Protein backbone atom coordinates (compact mmCIF):
# COMPACT_ATOMS: atom_id res chain seq x y z
CA MET A 1 11.85 -13.75 -8.83
CA ARG A 2 9.16 -14.51 -6.25
CA ARG A 3 7.11 -11.95 -4.42
CA ILE A 4 7.82 -11.29 -0.73
CA GLY A 5 5.87 -13.59 1.51
CA ALA A 6 4.03 -15.32 -1.33
CA ILE A 7 1.29 -17.59 0.00
CA SER A 8 1.90 -17.10 3.72
CA ILE A 9 1.89 -13.29 3.73
CA LEU A 10 -1.89 -13.26 4.05
CA SER A 11 -1.81 -14.76 7.52
CA TRP A 12 -0.91 -13.19 10.82
CA GLY A 13 2.29 -14.34 12.51
CA MET A 14 2.68 -15.10 16.18
CA LEU A 15 5.98 -14.32 17.84
CA PRO A 16 7.34 -14.59 21.38
CA LEU A 17 7.27 -11.22 23.10
CA ALA A 18 9.58 -10.13 25.87
CA ALA A 19 7.05 -7.90 27.58
CA THR A 20 4.69 -9.42 30.14
CA GLY A 21 1.20 -8.01 30.61
CA ALA A 22 2.24 -6.51 33.94
CA GLN A 23 5.27 -4.79 32.41
CA ALA A 24 3.17 -3.34 29.62
CA ALA A 25 0.42 -2.21 31.99
CA ASP A 26 2.97 -0.43 34.16
CA PHE A 27 4.49 1.17 31.07
CA TYR A 28 1.23 2.53 29.62
CA GLN A 29 -0.91 3.04 32.72
CA GLY A 30 -2.18 6.61 32.78
CA LYS A 31 -0.38 7.56 29.56
CA THR A 32 -1.52 8.58 26.08
CA LEU A 33 -0.26 6.91 22.92
CA ASN A 34 0.23 9.11 19.85
CA MET A 35 -0.35 7.77 16.35
CA MET A 36 1.11 9.74 13.43
CA ILE A 37 -0.29 9.23 9.92
CA ASN A 38 2.05 10.46 7.19
CA TYR A 39 -0.75 11.74 4.94
CA GLN A 40 -3.30 14.50 5.33
CA ALA A 41 -6.75 13.87 6.78
CA GLY A 42 -9.51 12.63 4.52
CA GLY A 43 -7.72 10.06 2.36
CA PRO A 44 -7.61 6.25 2.53
CA ALA A 45 -4.49 6.19 4.75
CA ASP A 46 -6.14 8.52 7.26
CA PHE A 47 -9.48 6.74 7.19
CA GLU A 48 -7.96 3.31 7.79
CA GLY A 49 -5.56 4.63 10.42
CA ARG A 50 -8.32 6.24 12.46
CA ILE A 51 -10.35 3.04 12.53
CA ILE A 52 -7.28 1.20 13.80
CA GLY A 53 -6.65 3.92 16.39
CA HIS A 54 -10.23 3.58 17.56
CA HIS A 55 -9.75 -0.07 18.52
CA LEU A 56 -6.04 -0.68 19.12
CA GLY A 57 -5.87 0.82 22.63
CA LYS A 58 -8.14 -1.79 24.18
CA HIS A 59 -5.58 -4.45 23.25
CA ILE A 60 -2.76 -2.65 25.10
CA PRO A 61 -2.45 -3.32 28.84
CA GLY A 62 -3.38 -0.15 30.65
CA ASN A 63 -5.76 0.77 27.81
CA PRO A 64 -4.05 4.04 26.88
CA PRO A 65 -6.11 6.43 24.74
CA ILE A 66 -4.71 6.89 21.24
CA VAL A 67 -4.54 10.38 19.75
CA VAL A 68 -4.22 10.49 15.95
CA ARG A 69 -2.36 13.30 14.22
CA ASN A 70 -1.71 13.83 10.52
CA MET A 71 1.64 14.94 9.15
CA GLY A 72 1.42 14.93 5.36
CA GLY A 73 3.76 16.26 2.72
CA ALA A 74 6.27 15.06 0.10
CA GLY A 75 4.35 11.88 -0.58
CA GLY A 76 4.54 10.74 3.03
CA ALA A 77 8.21 11.62 3.53
CA VAL A 78 7.65 14.58 5.90
CA GLY A 79 5.95 12.47 8.55
CA THR A 80 8.38 9.60 8.04
CA ASN A 81 11.41 11.85 8.51
CA TRP A 82 9.84 13.34 11.63
CA LEU A 83 9.32 9.88 13.12
CA GLY A 84 12.95 8.93 12.49
CA GLN A 85 14.64 12.22 13.32
CA VAL A 86 12.49 14.16 15.80
CA ALA A 87 9.97 11.96 17.62
CA ALA A 88 10.98 10.96 21.14
CA PRO A 89 11.83 7.25 21.55
CA ASP A 90 9.79 7.02 24.74
CA GLY A 91 7.32 4.39 23.58
CA LEU A 92 4.45 6.87 23.38
CA THR A 93 4.60 7.51 19.63
CA PHE A 94 4.19 5.29 16.60
CA GLY A 95 3.64 5.97 12.93
CA SER A 96 1.42 4.51 10.24
CA LEU A 97 3.53 5.18 7.17
CA THR A 98 1.85 4.71 3.80
CA GLY A 99 3.66 4.44 0.47
CA ILE A 100 7.08 5.17 1.93
CA ALA A 101 8.77 1.80 1.39
CA SER A 102 8.87 2.09 -2.40
CA LYS A 103 10.31 5.62 -2.12
CA ALA A 104 13.06 4.41 0.19
CA ALA A 105 13.88 1.36 -1.93
CA THR A 106 14.25 3.44 -5.09
CA GLY A 107 16.48 6.01 -3.38
CA ASP A 108 14.03 8.92 -3.32
CA PRO A 109 15.98 11.89 -1.85
CA SER A 110 12.90 13.13 0.04
CA VAL A 111 13.33 10.20 2.45
CA LYS A 112 16.04 11.49 4.77
CA ILE A 113 16.22 8.51 7.12
CA ASP A 114 17.20 4.88 6.88
CA LEU A 115 13.88 3.04 7.24
CA THR A 116 15.67 0.08 8.80
CA SER A 117 16.58 2.33 11.75
CA LEU A 118 12.90 2.50 12.75
CA GLU A 119 11.53 -0.06 15.19
CA PHE A 120 9.43 -2.34 12.96
CA VAL A 121 6.01 -3.24 14.39
CA ALA A 122 3.78 -4.48 11.57
CA THR A 123 3.10 -4.15 7.89
CA GLY A 124 -0.29 -3.39 6.40
CA VAL A 125 -0.76 -5.38 3.21
CA GLY A 126 -2.43 -3.49 0.39
CA THR A 127 -3.95 -4.40 -2.97
CA SER A 128 -4.77 -1.94 -5.74
CA VAL A 129 -7.29 -2.50 -8.53
CA VAL A 130 -6.66 -1.09 -11.99
CA TYR A 131 -9.88 -0.05 -13.72
CA ALA A 132 -10.77 1.60 -17.04
CA ARG A 133 -13.66 3.45 -18.64
CA THR A 134 -15.76 1.22 -20.87
CA ASP A 135 -16.10 3.95 -23.51
CA ILE A 136 -12.41 3.87 -24.48
CA PRO A 137 -12.53 3.27 -28.26
CA PRO A 138 -13.34 0.74 -29.60
CA GLY A 139 -15.17 -0.03 -26.32
CA LEU A 140 -14.44 -2.33 -23.39
CA LYS A 141 -16.67 -5.27 -22.55
CA LYS A 142 -14.05 -7.42 -20.84
CA PRO A 143 -10.60 -6.70 -19.34
CA VAL A 144 -8.63 -8.05 -22.31
CA ASP A 145 -10.30 -5.46 -24.57
CA LEU A 146 -7.92 -2.85 -23.15
CA LEU A 147 -5.25 -4.34 -25.42
CA LYS A 148 -7.24 -3.11 -28.44
CA ALA A 149 -7.31 0.47 -27.16
CA SER A 150 -4.75 3.16 -27.92
CA ASN A 151 -4.02 6.76 -27.03
CA PHE A 152 -5.92 6.64 -23.75
CA TRP A 153 -4.78 8.58 -20.68
CA SER A 154 -3.45 6.89 -17.55
CA GLY A 155 -3.57 9.06 -14.42
CA GLY A 156 -1.43 9.29 -11.30
CA LEU A 157 -0.33 11.28 -8.28
CA THR A 158 3.44 11.69 -8.69
CA ALA A 159 5.87 10.07 -11.11
CA ASP A 160 7.84 8.54 -8.22
CA SER A 161 4.89 7.10 -6.31
CA GLY A 162 4.50 3.35 -6.11
CA LYS A 163 1.01 3.63 -7.58
CA ASP A 164 2.19 5.50 -10.67
CA LEU A 165 5.22 3.27 -11.15
CA GLN A 166 3.27 0.03 -10.98
CA LEU A 167 0.61 1.16 -13.42
CA ARG A 168 3.09 2.58 -15.94
CA MET A 169 5.25 -0.54 -15.74
CA GLN A 170 2.26 -2.81 -16.26
CA LEU A 171 1.03 -0.85 -19.27
CA ASP A 172 4.54 -0.77 -20.75
CA LEU A 173 5.05 -4.50 -20.23
CA LEU A 174 1.85 -5.09 -22.20
CA GLY A 175 3.10 -2.82 -24.97
CA LEU A 176 0.07 -0.54 -24.79
CA LYS A 177 -0.02 2.88 -26.44
CA TYR A 178 -1.12 5.38 -23.82
CA ARG A 179 -0.46 8.87 -22.54
CA TYR A 180 0.42 9.57 -18.94
CA VAL A 181 -0.73 12.45 -16.75
CA THR A 182 0.23 12.82 -13.10
CA GLY A 183 0.24 15.49 -10.41
CA TYR A 184 -3.29 15.06 -9.09
CA ALA A 185 -3.42 16.29 -5.50
CA GLY A 186 -5.07 13.11 -4.28
CA THR A 187 -7.24 10.19 -5.24
CA ALA A 188 -10.41 12.29 -4.96
CA GLU A 189 -9.13 14.69 -7.62
CA ALA A 190 -8.02 11.79 -9.82
CA ARG A 191 -11.44 10.14 -9.49
CA LEU A 192 -13.09 13.38 -10.61
CA ALA A 193 -10.76 13.46 -13.62
CA PHE A 194 -11.77 9.86 -14.37
CA GLU A 195 -15.44 10.77 -14.14
CA ARG A 196 -14.88 13.63 -16.58
CA SER A 197 -12.91 11.28 -18.88
CA GLU A 198 -9.80 13.43 -18.57
CA ILE A 199 -8.13 10.13 -17.72
CA GLN A 200 -9.49 6.73 -18.65
CA VAL A 201 -7.31 4.32 -16.63
CA TYR A 202 -6.50 4.58 -12.94
CA ALA A 203 -5.75 2.43 -9.89
CA GLU A 204 -7.32 2.58 -6.43
CA SER A 205 -6.71 0.81 -3.15
CA LEU A 206 -9.06 -2.06 -2.46
CA PRO A 207 -11.16 -0.26 0.19
CA THR A 208 -11.68 2.75 -2.10
CA TYR A 209 -12.41 0.52 -5.05
CA LYS A 210 -15.04 -1.47 -3.17
CA GLY A 211 -16.55 1.51 -1.41
CA LEU A 212 -16.59 4.08 -4.25
CA ILE A 213 -15.48 2.80 -7.63
CA ASP A 214 -17.54 -0.38 -7.78
CA PRO A 215 -20.91 1.21 -6.91
CA THR A 216 -20.30 4.48 -8.78
CA PHE A 217 -18.62 3.34 -11.99
CA VAL A 218 -18.56 -0.45 -12.33
CA LYS A 219 -22.14 -1.28 -11.39
CA THR A 220 -23.39 1.56 -13.61
CA GLY A 221 -21.45 0.21 -16.59
CA LYS A 222 -19.07 3.16 -16.85
CA ALA A 223 -15.95 1.20 -15.91
CA LEU A 224 -14.43 -2.28 -15.73
CA PRO A 225 -11.83 -3.74 -13.37
CA ILE A 226 -8.89 -4.77 -15.56
CA TRP A 227 -6.51 -6.47 -13.10
CA TYR A 228 -5.38 -6.14 -9.52
CA ASP A 229 -1.91 -5.88 -8.06
CA SER A 230 -1.16 -9.24 -6.55
CA ILE A 231 0.90 -10.30 -3.55
CA GLU A 232 -0.01 -13.89 -4.25
CA ASP A 233 2.23 -16.58 -5.69
CA PRO A 234 1.17 -16.57 -9.38
CA ASP A 235 1.62 -20.36 -9.46
CA SER A 236 -0.70 -20.92 -6.51
CA THR A 237 -4.38 -21.75 -6.88
CA ALA A 238 -5.10 -19.88 -3.63
CA LYS A 239 -6.78 -16.52 -4.13
CA ASN A 240 -6.73 -13.51 -1.86
CA PRO A 241 -10.23 -13.52 -0.30
CA ASP A 242 -10.18 -9.73 -0.13
CA VAL A 243 -10.72 -9.56 -3.91
CA ASP A 244 -13.86 -11.68 -3.87
CA GLY A 245 -16.49 -10.06 -6.05
CA ILE A 246 -13.95 -8.36 -8.33
CA ASP A 247 -14.19 -9.82 -11.83
CA ALA A 248 -10.51 -9.54 -12.70
CA ASP A 249 -7.28 -11.51 -12.43
CA PRO A 250 -4.02 -10.65 -10.66
CA PHE A 251 -1.64 -8.93 -13.06
CA PRO A 252 0.85 -11.86 -13.33
CA LYS A 253 -1.97 -14.12 -14.53
CA PHE A 254 -3.43 -11.45 -16.83
CA TYR A 255 0.00 -10.92 -18.38
CA ARG A 256 0.70 -14.63 -18.80
CA ASP A 257 -2.70 -15.24 -20.38
CA VAL A 258 -2.47 -12.45 -22.96
CA MET A 259 1.27 -12.68 -23.69
CA GLY A 260 1.49 -16.48 -23.62
CA LYS A 261 4.44 -16.53 -21.23
CA PRO A 262 5.33 -15.44 -17.69
CA GLY A 263 6.90 -12.06 -17.15
CA SER A 264 10.67 -11.64 -17.27
CA GLY A 265 13.38 -9.06 -17.86
CA GLN A 266 14.56 -5.93 -16.08
CA LEU A 267 11.26 -4.09 -16.26
CA TRP A 268 9.46 -7.11 -14.80
CA ASP A 269 12.05 -7.37 -12.00
CA ALA A 270 11.57 -3.67 -11.26
CA LEU A 271 7.80 -4.13 -11.15
CA GLU A 272 8.15 -6.97 -8.67
CA VAL A 273 10.31 -4.92 -6.29
CA VAL A 274 8.09 -1.84 -6.53
CA GLY A 275 5.03 -4.08 -6.20
CA ASP A 276 6.40 -5.73 -3.07
CA MET A 277 7.12 -2.39 -1.47
CA SER A 278 3.78 -0.89 -2.53
CA GLY A 279 1.72 -3.99 -1.68
CA THR A 280 3.29 -6.11 1.03
CA TYR A 281 4.58 -2.97 2.77
CA LEU A 282 1.93 -0.47 1.73
CA ARG A 283 1.45 0.65 5.33
CA LEU A 284 4.45 0.35 7.61
CA VAL A 285 3.76 0.58 11.35
CA ALA A 286 6.91 1.65 13.17
CA MET A 287 8.25 3.46 16.22
CA PRO A 288 11.20 5.88 16.57
CA PRO A 289 14.71 4.41 16.68
CA GLY A 290 15.67 3.34 20.19
CA THR A 291 12.12 2.90 21.49
CA PRO A 292 12.14 0.53 24.51
CA LYS A 293 11.60 -3.10 23.59
CA VAL A 294 8.68 -3.40 26.02
CA ALA A 295 6.80 -0.76 24.02
CA VAL A 296 7.60 -2.27 20.62
CA ASP A 297 6.64 -5.78 21.71
CA THR A 298 3.45 -4.54 23.34
CA LEU A 299 2.37 -2.78 20.16
CA LYS A 300 3.14 -5.90 18.11
CA GLN A 301 0.96 -7.95 20.43
CA ALA A 302 -1.82 -5.37 20.14
CA PHE A 303 -1.83 -5.64 16.32
CA ILE A 304 -1.98 -9.43 16.57
CA ALA A 305 -4.96 -9.16 18.90
CA LEU A 306 -6.61 -6.57 16.66
CA ALA A 307 -6.87 -9.15 13.88
CA LYS A 308 -9.33 -11.14 15.99
CA ASP A 309 -11.35 -8.17 17.26
CA PRO A 310 -14.98 -8.52 16.04
CA GLU A 311 -15.76 -4.86 16.75
CA PHE A 312 -12.79 -3.78 14.61
CA HIS A 313 -13.93 -6.13 11.84
CA ALA A 314 -17.48 -4.81 12.00
CA GLU A 315 -16.50 -1.13 11.84
CA ALA A 316 -14.00 -1.74 9.03
CA MET A 317 -16.51 -3.69 6.96
CA ASN A 318 -19.22 -1.09 7.55
CA ALA A 319 -16.97 1.83 6.68
CA MET A 320 -14.67 0.36 4.02
CA LYS A 321 -16.20 -2.98 2.93
CA PHE A 322 -12.79 -4.38 3.79
CA VAL A 323 -10.84 -5.48 6.88
CA PRO A 324 -7.22 -4.23 6.85
CA ASN A 325 -4.67 -7.02 7.04
CA TYR A 326 -1.66 -6.25 9.24
CA VAL A 327 1.13 -8.81 9.42
CA VAL A 328 3.41 -9.25 12.43
CA ASN A 329 6.26 -11.71 12.13
CA ASP A 330 10.04 -11.75 12.16
CA ARG A 331 10.45 -13.18 8.66
CA VAL A 332 8.50 -10.36 7.01
CA GLU A 333 10.58 -7.85 8.95
CA ARG A 334 13.83 -9.47 7.77
CA GLU A 335 12.65 -9.58 4.17
CA PHE A 336 11.61 -5.92 4.35
CA LYS A 337 15.15 -4.92 5.28
CA GLU A 338 16.59 -7.13 2.55
CA LYS A 339 14.31 -5.68 -0.11
CA LEU A 340 15.25 -2.12 0.83
CA ARG A 341 18.77 -2.97 -0.32
CA MET A 342 17.74 -3.04 -3.97
CA ASP A 343 20.35 -4.15 -6.49
CA PRO A 344 22.17 -0.94 -7.55
CA ALA A 345 21.66 -1.61 -11.27
CA LEU A 346 17.96 -2.19 -10.75
CA ARG A 347 17.66 0.92 -8.58
CA LYS A 348 19.32 2.98 -11.33
CA PHE A 349 16.88 1.50 -13.85
CA VAL A 350 13.91 2.53 -11.70
CA GLN A 351 15.34 6.00 -11.07
CA ASP A 352 15.74 6.52 -14.82
CA TYR A 353 12.21 5.23 -15.35
CA ILE A 354 10.91 7.77 -12.81
CA GLU A 355 12.75 10.59 -14.61
CA LYS A 356 11.25 9.50 -17.90
CA GLY A 357 7.82 9.64 -16.28
CA LYS A 358 8.46 13.21 -15.14
CA GLN A 359 9.40 14.21 -18.67
CA ILE A 360 6.45 12.63 -20.49
CA THR A 361 3.69 13.62 -18.07
CA GLY A 362 0.93 15.76 -19.46
CA LYS A 363 0.43 17.77 -16.28
């Protein structure tokens, strides 16, 4: 099974748009555009979303101001359901939905809407880095040393989150002996638990890893990057430039090197689907069902233009040490809808795996 958009996913796609500049200017002239973020203020989703909101409006004809609002709850489902069920389809509202694709694909009951009913605009590609404390007995000096460790704690947010699922699946595929604790209110609380050695293995998004984990834990010798979640083709020699400076391999390569064979089997297939939804579609930009095509196409064009905005790049690099990568093309949109229709047997496997995680958690 190949990952969604392997190789080409890292580039922006151009597409013909129905809306002319004049049509878009007439549509947005004198109006305000509302951006809903489906997580509370202060976290990575909010931070990234606000930087985008700061620059996106200048790429929309009519230059509408963008007002950001947060609507957190139920792991992002509250804001997502609002966008699909309540928000007016008038072209003046769009959502930045983080971590919702994996929930929808695995049949999480908190997601009350069909994500394919939303008007797809763009997808924000995300990479997470798994890191571990170097003082896990018998001590870690290089990533492969984690295989010698046992009875360490892996931390998470909720048993059904894409982050928790990926990390548990990876550790299980490697046959590691670990204990699992979840239920941390957010990444800040989990990082504090890591600092206190209440947990010894955790995963962070790339901006958080570069901005906080690397200077605080890695450069001080307290932690090591072990692997990162890859959206790359494992058979390609091309490397995601966003991970430059991180001394670790993508998980498919790490696994193949230590196990002597590529990954396979039902658990591996489940990891690939969850990984696609948590990586390729980490942040889904969408508008309410029935939003006028002129508005959807205009927003798509704005995200394409944003990729080339030097001021956006400068602020993102200064604030996050990372420039968010948002992809706009028809193929990725089609594949997103296909992936949401997970094979029923595989979905049942993942649902059972989630329930097992709820039962074994230490919190």
